[in-house]
Protein backbone atom coordinates (compact mmCIF):
# COMPACT_ATOMS: atom_id res chain seq x y z
CA MET A 1 -5.71 17.71 -18.74
CA HIS A 2 -5.14 20.64 -16.17
CA PHE A 3 -7.02 20.59 -12.54
CA VAL A 4 -4.07 22.81 -10.61
CA ASP A 5 -1.99 24.82 -13.11
CA GLY A 6 1.33 23.70 -13.72
CA ARG A 7 0.23 20.42 -12.97
CA GLY A 8 -0.94 18.72 -16.11
CA ASN A 9 -2.06 15.19 -16.71
CA VAL A 10 -1.67 13.65 -20.16
CA ILE A 11 -4.18 11.43 -22.81
CA ILE A 12 -2.82 10.12 -25.61
CA ARG A 13 -5.23 7.93 -28.09
CA TYR A 14 -4.11 5.85 -31.04
CA PRO A 15 -7.54 5.49 -32.94
CA GLY A 16 -8.57 1.82 -33.64
CA THR A 17 -11.03 0.91 -37.12
CA VAL A 18 -13.79 -0.86 -34.43
CA PRO A 19 -16.02 1.88 -32.22
CA GLY A 20 -15.80 1.46 -28.65
CA LYS A 21 -13.36 -0.86 -29.11
CA VAL A 22 -10.62 0.01 -26.50
CA CYS A 23 -7.33 -0.43 -24.14
CA SER A 24 -5.51 1.29 -22.01
CA PHE A 25 -2.69 2.26 -19.94
CA VAL A 26 -3.07 4.34 -16.85
CA GLY A 27 -1.47 4.41 -13.66
CA SER A 28 2.25 5.81 -14.55
CA HIS A 29 3.23 9.14 -13.22
CA LEU A 30 4.62 12.29 -13.83
CA ASP A 31 6.43 13.12 -10.11
CA VAL A 32 8.67 11.21 -8.18
CA VAL A 33 9.52 11.47 -4.44
CA PRO A 34 12.15 13.88 -2.88
CA ALA A 35 15.64 12.74 -2.71
CA ASN A 36 18.55 13.70 -0.12
CA PRO A 37 21.36 13.23 -2.27
CA THR A 38 23.65 12.32 0.54
CA SER A 39 22.00 8.65 0.86
CA TRP A 40 22.58 8.29 -2.65
CA GLU A 41 25.78 6.65 -4.17
CA ARG A 42 25.04 8.47 -7.48
CA ASN A 43 23.09 12.20 -8.47
CA PRO A 44 19.77 11.22 -7.69
CA PHE A 45 18.95 14.59 -9.91
CA LYS A 46 20.73 13.16 -13.31
CA LEU A 47 20.28 10.59 -15.13
CA THR A 48 23.27 7.63 -14.89
CA VAL A 49 23.38 5.13 -17.39
CA GLU A 50 25.68 2.17 -16.43
CA GLY A 51 25.66 -0.87 -18.55
CA ASP A 52 21.93 -2.27 -18.66
CA MET A 53 21.18 0.10 -15.49
CA LEU A 54 19.01 3.24 -15.53
CA TYR A 55 20.00 5.26 -11.80
CA GLY A 56 18.21 8.49 -10.95
CA ARG A 57 15.14 9.59 -9.23
CA GLY A 58 12.05 7.95 -10.21
CA THR A 59 13.80 5.92 -12.62
CA THR A 60 11.90 2.67 -11.37
CA ASP A 61 8.60 4.71 -9.67
CA CYS A 62 7.21 5.85 -12.53
CA LEU A 63 9.16 7.70 -15.02
CA GLY A 64 10.55 4.06 -16.55
CA HIS A 65 7.14 3.35 -17.27
CA VAL A 66 7.06 7.09 -18.59
CA ALA A 67 9.47 5.95 -21.22
CA LEU A 68 8.18 2.35 -21.66
CA LEU A 69 4.80 3.39 -22.95
CA THR A 70 6.27 6.72 -24.81
CA ASP A 71 7.91 4.40 -26.24
CA LEU A 72 4.89 2.30 -27.27
CA LEU A 73 3.14 5.65 -28.90
CA CYS A 74 6.47 6.43 -30.82
CA THR A 75 6.63 3.21 -32.13
CA LEU A 76 2.30 3.07 -33.02
CA ALA A 77 2.82 6.79 -34.65
CA GLU A 78 6.29 5.38 -36.45
CA HIS A 79 4.44 2.59 -38.04
CA LYS A 80 0.88 3.38 -37.99
CA PRO A 81 -0.54 -0.37 -37.96
CA ALA A 82 -4.28 -0.86 -38.33
CA LEU A 83 -6.10 -1.58 -34.99
CA LYS A 84 -8.85 -2.54 -33.91
CA THR A 85 -8.53 -1.57 -31.33
CA SER A 86 -7.85 2.18 -29.77
CA VAL A 87 -4.88 2.63 -27.63
CA VAL A 88 -5.11 5.40 -25.44
CA VAL A 89 -2.13 5.77 -22.29
CA VAL A 90 -2.76 8.56 -19.67
CA PHE A 91 -0.28 9.91 -17.65
CA ILE A 92 -0.93 10.86 -14.64
CA VAL A 93 0.20 14.16 -12.28
CA ASN A 94 -0.11 13.29 -8.70
CA GLU A 95 0.50 9.71 -7.34
CA GLU A 96 3.53 10.00 -4.71
CA ASN A 97 2.24 12.42 -2.69
CA SER A 98 -1.22 11.63 -1.73
CA SER A 99 -2.43 14.06 0.59
CA PHE A 100 -3.16 15.92 -2.79
CA VAL A 101 -6.06 15.22 -4.23
CA GLY A 102 -8.13 16.69 -7.41
CA LEU A 103 -5.28 16.67 -9.32
CA GLY A 104 -4.50 12.82 -11.41
CA VAL A 105 -6.69 10.58 -11.69
CA ASP A 106 -9.23 10.58 -9.27
CA GLN A 107 -9.96 13.80 -10.91
CA LEU A 108 -10.09 12.74 -14.27
CA ALA A 109 -12.86 9.74 -13.64
CA LYS A 110 -14.76 12.32 -11.68
CA GLU A 111 -15.11 14.84 -14.55
CA GLY A 112 -15.76 11.62 -17.05
CA TYR A 113 -12.44 12.11 -19.34
CA LEU A 114 -12.20 8.09 -18.46
CA ASP A 115 -15.97 6.77 -18.95
CA LYS A 116 -14.79 5.63 -22.35
CA LEU A 117 -12.05 2.93 -20.88
CA LYS A 118 -14.67 1.44 -19.24
CA SER A 119 -15.24 -0.80 -22.95
CA GLY A 120 -12.20 -2.82 -22.46
CA PRO A 121 -8.93 -3.51 -19.94
CA LEU A 122 -7.29 -1.15 -18.41
CA PHE A 123 -3.55 -1.81 -17.76
CA TRP A 124 -2.48 -0.06 -14.27
CA ILE A 125 1.15 0.06 -15.13
CA ASP A 126 2.28 0.99 -11.80
CA ALA A 127 3.90 -2.42 -10.54
CA ALA A 128 7.18 -4.30 -10.32
CA ASP A 129 8.87 -7.58 -11.14
CA SER A 130 7.63 -8.11 -15.41
CA GLN A 131 5.37 -10.12 -13.74
CA PRO A 132 1.04 -9.66 -14.11
CA CYS A 133 0.06 -8.79 -10.59
CA ILE A 134 -3.01 -10.15 -9.98
CA GLY A 135 -3.83 -8.97 -6.00
CA SER A 136 -2.94 -5.59 -3.66
CA ALA A 137 -3.32 -5.35 -0.13
CA GLY A 138 -5.49 -2.93 1.20
CA ASN A 139 -4.18 -0.90 3.83
CA LEU A 140 -4.72 0.74 6.95
CA GLN A 141 -2.53 3.14 9.46
CA TRP A 142 -3.28 3.53 13.39
CA LYS A 143 -1.78 4.88 16.28
CA MET A 144 -2.47 3.90 19.77
CA LYS A 145 -1.78 5.65 23.43
CA VAL A 146 -1.79 3.91 26.23
CA THR A 147 -2.14 5.56 29.61
CA GLY A 148 -0.54 4.02 32.90
CA LYS A 149 0.53 5.40 36.30
CA LEU A 150 4.09 6.54 36.68
CA PHE A 151 5.66 5.12 39.94
CA HIS A 152 8.81 3.85 41.10
CA SER A 153 9.83 0.78 39.67
CA GLY A 154 10.96 -0.25 42.49
CA LEU A 155 7.21 -0.72 43.63
CA PRO A 156 5.97 -1.92 40.47
CA HIS A 157 2.62 -2.78 42.25
CA LYS A 158 1.58 0.74 43.16
CA GLY A 159 2.17 1.71 39.45
CA ILE A 160 0.93 0.72 35.88
CA ASN A 161 3.45 0.39 33.74
CA SER A 162 2.45 1.58 30.60
CA ILE A 163 4.74 -0.32 28.12
CA GLU A 164 4.04 -3.22 29.43
CA LEU A 165 0.39 -2.80 29.03
CA ALA A 166 0.48 -1.25 25.55
CA MET A 167 2.90 -4.51 24.79
CA ASP A 168 0.16 -6.44 25.82
CA ALA A 169 -2.44 -4.26 24.52
CA VAL A 170 -0.83 -5.20 20.90
CA ALA A 171 -0.42 -8.93 21.80
CA TYR A 172 -4.55 -9.08 22.30
CA ILE A 173 -5.47 -7.12 19.46
CA GLN A 174 -3.29 -9.15 16.93
CA ARG A 175 -4.62 -12.16 18.84
CA ARG A 176 -8.45 -11.13 18.32
CA PHE A 177 -7.01 -9.48 14.31
CA PHE A 178 -5.43 -12.64 13.36
CA GLN A 179 -8.67 -14.98 14.56
CA ASP A 180 -11.06 -12.59 12.95
CA PHE A 181 -9.24 -12.46 9.56
CA LYS A 182 -7.98 -15.88 8.60
CA ARG A 183 -5.82 -16.41 5.47
CA LEU A 184 -9.03 -16.94 2.62
CA PRO A 185 -8.92 -19.97 -0.20
CA GLN A 186 -8.97 -17.27 -2.32
CA GLU A 187 -5.99 -15.85 -0.88
CA ASP A 188 -4.12 -19.14 -2.31
CA GLU A 189 -5.68 -18.72 -5.95
CA TYR A 190 -3.88 -15.42 -5.84
CA ASN A 191 -0.64 -15.61 -4.81
CA PHE A 192 -0.54 -13.45 -1.90
CA VAL A 193 2.69 -14.40 0.26
CA THR A 194 1.28 -12.87 3.16
CA GLN A 195 -2.21 -13.15 4.60
CA SER A 196 -3.53 -10.25 6.43
CA THR A 197 -1.60 -8.28 9.08
CA LEU A 198 -2.05 -6.27 12.06
CA LYS A 199 1.51 -5.23 13.31
CA PRO A 200 3.61 -2.41 15.66
CA THR A 201 5.53 -0.58 13.44
CA GLN A 202 6.89 2.50 16.18
CA ILE A 203 6.78 3.15 19.81
CA SER A 204 7.55 5.73 22.36
CA CYS A 205 7.23 6.65 25.39
CA ALA A 206 7.18 9.79 28.29
CA PRO A 207 10.95 10.44 28.70
CA GLY A 208 11.73 9.50 32.19
CA SER A 209 14.33 7.43 34.67
CA LEU A 210 14.77 4.47 34.06
CA ASN A 211 13.77 3.73 37.15
CA GLN A 212 10.58 5.04 36.82
CA LEU A 213 7.53 3.47 35.44
CA PRO A 214 6.18 5.60 32.52
CA PRO A 215 3.21 7.06 32.64
CA ASP A 216 1.75 6.67 29.23
CA CYS A 217 3.35 5.01 26.09
CA THR A 218 2.14 5.34 22.17
CA VAL A 219 2.19 2.67 19.55
CA GLU A 220 2.14 3.50 15.63
CA GLY A 221 1.53 0.61 13.02
CA ASP A 222 -0.54 -0.35 10.32
CA VAL A 223 -2.80 -3.13 8.83
CA ARG A 224 -2.12 -4.66 5.35
CA LEU A 225 -5.62 -6.11 4.66
CA ALA A 226 -6.46 -8.85 1.62
CA PRO A 227 -8.66 -7.58 -0.27
CA PHE A 228 -11.71 -10.14 0.17
CA TYR A 229 -11.87 -8.47 3.51
CA ASP A 230 -13.42 -4.67 3.79
CA VAL A 231 -11.05 -2.05 5.71
CA ALA A 232 -14.85 -1.10 7.49
CA GLU A 233 -15.45 -4.20 8.83
CA VAL A 234 -11.53 -3.89 10.52
CA ARG A 235 -11.83 -0.87 11.90
CA ARG A 236 -15.14 -1.60 13.52
CA VAL A 237 -13.83 -4.90 15.33
CA VAL A 238 -10.69 -3.59 16.15
CA SER A 239 -12.81 -0.60 17.78
CA ALA A 240 -14.52 -3.65 19.86
CA TYR A 241 -11.18 -5.05 21.13
CA ILE A 242 -9.84 -1.73 22.79
CA ALA A 243 -13.54 -1.09 24.47
CA GLU A 244 -13.22 -4.73 25.63
CA ILE A 245 -9.79 -3.80 27.21
CA ASN A 246 -11.07 -0.65 28.35
CA ALA A 247 -13.91 -1.94 30.24
CA ASN A 248 -11.45 -4.46 31.87
CA PRO A 249 -7.66 -4.02 31.60
CA ALA A 250 -7.23 -6.86 34.02
CA VAL A 251 -7.96 -9.14 30.94
CA LEU A 252 -4.71 -8.84 30.04
CA GLU A 253 -2.51 -9.31 33.09
CA ASN A 254 -0.28 -12.31 32.90
CA PRO A 255 1.89 -13.27 35.96
CA GLU A 256 3.65 -15.99 33.93
CA THR A 257 5.35 -13.62 31.60
CA ARG A 258 5.15 -10.31 33.90
CA GLY A 259 5.30 -11.47 37.42
CA PRO A 260 2.81 -11.49 39.49
CA HIS A 261 3.64 -7.27 41.07
CA SER A 262 3.14 -5.78 37.45
CA LYS A 263 -0.45 -5.14 37.08
CA TYR A 264 -3.25 -2.92 34.92
CA THR A 265 -5.44 -2.31 37.66
CA LEU A 266 -5.35 -0.84 40.82
CA PRO A 267 -8.07 -1.48 43.03
CA ASP A 268 -8.09 0.60 46.24
CA GLU A 269 -7.14 3.58 44.73
CA ASN A 270 -10.49 3.06 41.80
CA LYS A 271 -7.73 3.56 38.79
CA LYS A 272 -6.94 1.52 35.87
CA GLY A 273 -5.19 1.80 32.86
CA ALA A 274 -6.46 3.17 29.48
CA VAL A 275 -6.00 2.45 25.89
CA GLU A 276 -7.13 5.31 23.41
CA PHE A 277 -6.79 3.96 19.96
CA GLN A 278 -7.35 5.97 16.71
CA TRP A 279 -7.25 5.26 12.79
CA LEU A 280 -4.80 7.94 10.92
CA ALA A 281 -7.31 7.88 8.08
CA ASP A 282 -10.02 5.83 6.75
CA GLY A 283 -7.74 3.49 4.37
CA GLU A 284 -8.63 2.09 1.00
CA ASN A 285 -9.38 -1.93 0.23
CA GLY A 286 -6.84 -3.87 -1.72
CA ILE A 287 -7.95 -5.46 -4.94
CA ALA A 288 -8.38 -8.71 -6.65
CA CYS A 289 -8.18 -8.69 -10.30
CA ASN A 290 -10.73 -10.21 -12.55
CA LEU A 291 -9.04 -13.29 -13.97
CA ASN A 292 -11.89 -13.77 -16.29
CA SER A 293 -10.65 -10.69 -18.00
CA VAL A 294 -9.66 -10.71 -22.01
CA GLY A 295 -7.03 -8.31 -20.64
CA TYR A 296 -5.58 -10.32 -18.37
CA HIS A 297 -5.62 -13.74 -20.26
CA ALA A 298 -3.65 -10.94 -23.29
CA ILE A 299 -1.13 -10.23 -20.04
CA LEU A 300 -0.53 -13.32 -19.53
CA GLU A 301 -0.17 -14.68 -23.16
CA ALA A 302 2.21 -12.22 -23.43
CA THR A 303 4.63 -12.53 -20.27
CA LYS A 304 4.90 -15.83 -21.39
CA ALA A 305 5.73 -15.26 -25.18
CA ILE A 306 8.63 -13.03 -24.04
CA LEU A 307 9.93 -14.26 -20.77
CA GLY A 308 9.70 -17.83 -21.68
CA ASP A 309 7.11 -18.65 -18.56
CA VAL A 310 4.78 -16.46 -16.40
CA LYS A 311 3.79 -16.94 -13.03
CA PRO A 312 1.02 -14.00 -11.49
CA TYR A 313 1.45 -12.63 -8.07
CA SER A 314 -0.40 -10.48 -5.70
CA ILE A 315 1.29 -7.94 -3.24
CA GLY A 316 1.16 -7.65 0.77
CA GLY A 317 1.63 -3.31 -0.69
CA SER A 318 -0.90 -1.07 -1.54
CA LEU A 319 -1.48 0.68 -4.79
CA PRO A 320 -3.78 3.67 -4.31
CA LEU A 321 -6.76 4.68 -6.35
CA ILE A 322 -6.97 1.54 -8.20
CA ARG A 323 -9.58 0.09 -5.76
CA GLU A 324 -11.89 2.72 -6.48
CA LEU A 325 -12.03 2.55 -10.19
CA GLN A 326 -12.53 -1.24 -10.28
CA GLU A 327 -15.88 -0.06 -8.06
CA HIS A 328 -17.08 2.34 -11.08
CA GLY A 329 -16.87 -0.38 -13.55
CA PHE A 330 -13.07 -0.18 -14.97
CA ASP A 331 -11.69 -3.46 -15.44
CA MET A 332 -8.56 -3.20 -13.95
CA GLN A 333 -5.65 -5.00 -14.88
CA ILE A 334 -1.97 -4.36 -12.93
CA SER A 335 1.32 -4.82 -14.53
CA GLY A 336 4.56 -3.04 -14.25
CA TYR A 337 8.28 -3.74 -15.53
CA GLY A 338 10.74 -2.85 -12.56
CA ILE A 339 12.71 -3.98 -9.32
CA SER A 340 10.59 -4.06 -6.28
CA THR A 341 13.21 -5.09 -4.04
CA THR A 342 16.81 -3.87 -3.53
CA LYS A 343 18.30 -6.48 -5.45
CA ARG A 344 18.94 -5.93 -9.00
CA THR A 345 18.21 -9.24 -10.65
CA ALA A 346 14.41 -9.11 -11.62
CA SER A 347 14.57 -6.97 -14.83
CA PRO A 348 17.65 -5.48 -16.96
CA ILE A 349 15.23 -2.87 -18.09
CA SER A 350 15.59 -0.19 -14.62
CA THR A 351 16.41 0.98 -11.97
CA ALA A 352 17.05 2.28 -8.57
CA PRO A 353 16.97 0.48 -5.71
CA ILE A 354 13.09 0.70 -4.04
CA ASN A 355 14.28 2.96 -1.30
CA GLN A 356 15.85 5.38 -3.79
CA GLN A 357 13.46 5.62 -6.08
């Protein structure tokens, strides 16, 4: 199914004997991330087989899953079992580049091509570690520009150090965030290793000499949010934190850590530091799969039968689109068979390290 020339989704159906009874496998995408050959030990544009390991661009994410489902379809075609349940496989054209919308599963759902899949479990085959994934985190990305006052570092009481202000602003926001978005009992039930987090991941400041207080500083970071919270509420609450800081930056001052001369307000000059905070996108909520689903119990039993044990897990990473599908009535279940870390101990099936997918 093409929505853009040269970028086609593929829907394949093996019919069952009971009308309306369906099980679907969706999420395996045909596109892969770009690759710089200089950072690879092997040619990323050529499949390399060494023992039971496969190396190449996309072997884990997500062409390994495309091959797995293709093999399933070939097996069904060869043996032609009389199944009560129809099996539907959907290969999507776009996942790695989220800036392009209307190409893959989002448009298929919007146009109604997936409606019939609502009558049974939909397995999203784009995870890893060979165990059922029962939850993922939502995510938000943010950028904070902090403005202080340039001055000689020998006279710190005459300036406003934007780096210190940024560090204390982040600490204040984090402290409030972890008070308002505590770990919930559901997160233990779903085996989330980490709770919701807000943290900085990048920082930069105005260039200058080492004897100057920088006039401005930019900090960027992200939020990883348990699916039992809502990203819209995070945006609202964090915006309130920022308003409190801007109303009185002096609330961040702490002589015990910054010394007595580091100030964020200069009353004699009627000047104070300022924090400008923006969300880089609307963000998306995480997902908690339905643990009462027949699909969930089926993947539990199948995993235990093949691997000998079953250990459902949830991840602090995010998977695009699937919460939206769940909210539109799909019984979303998540699984996958790759390696989610650079250690090659999780599965003999594939793959390149996660940073070489």
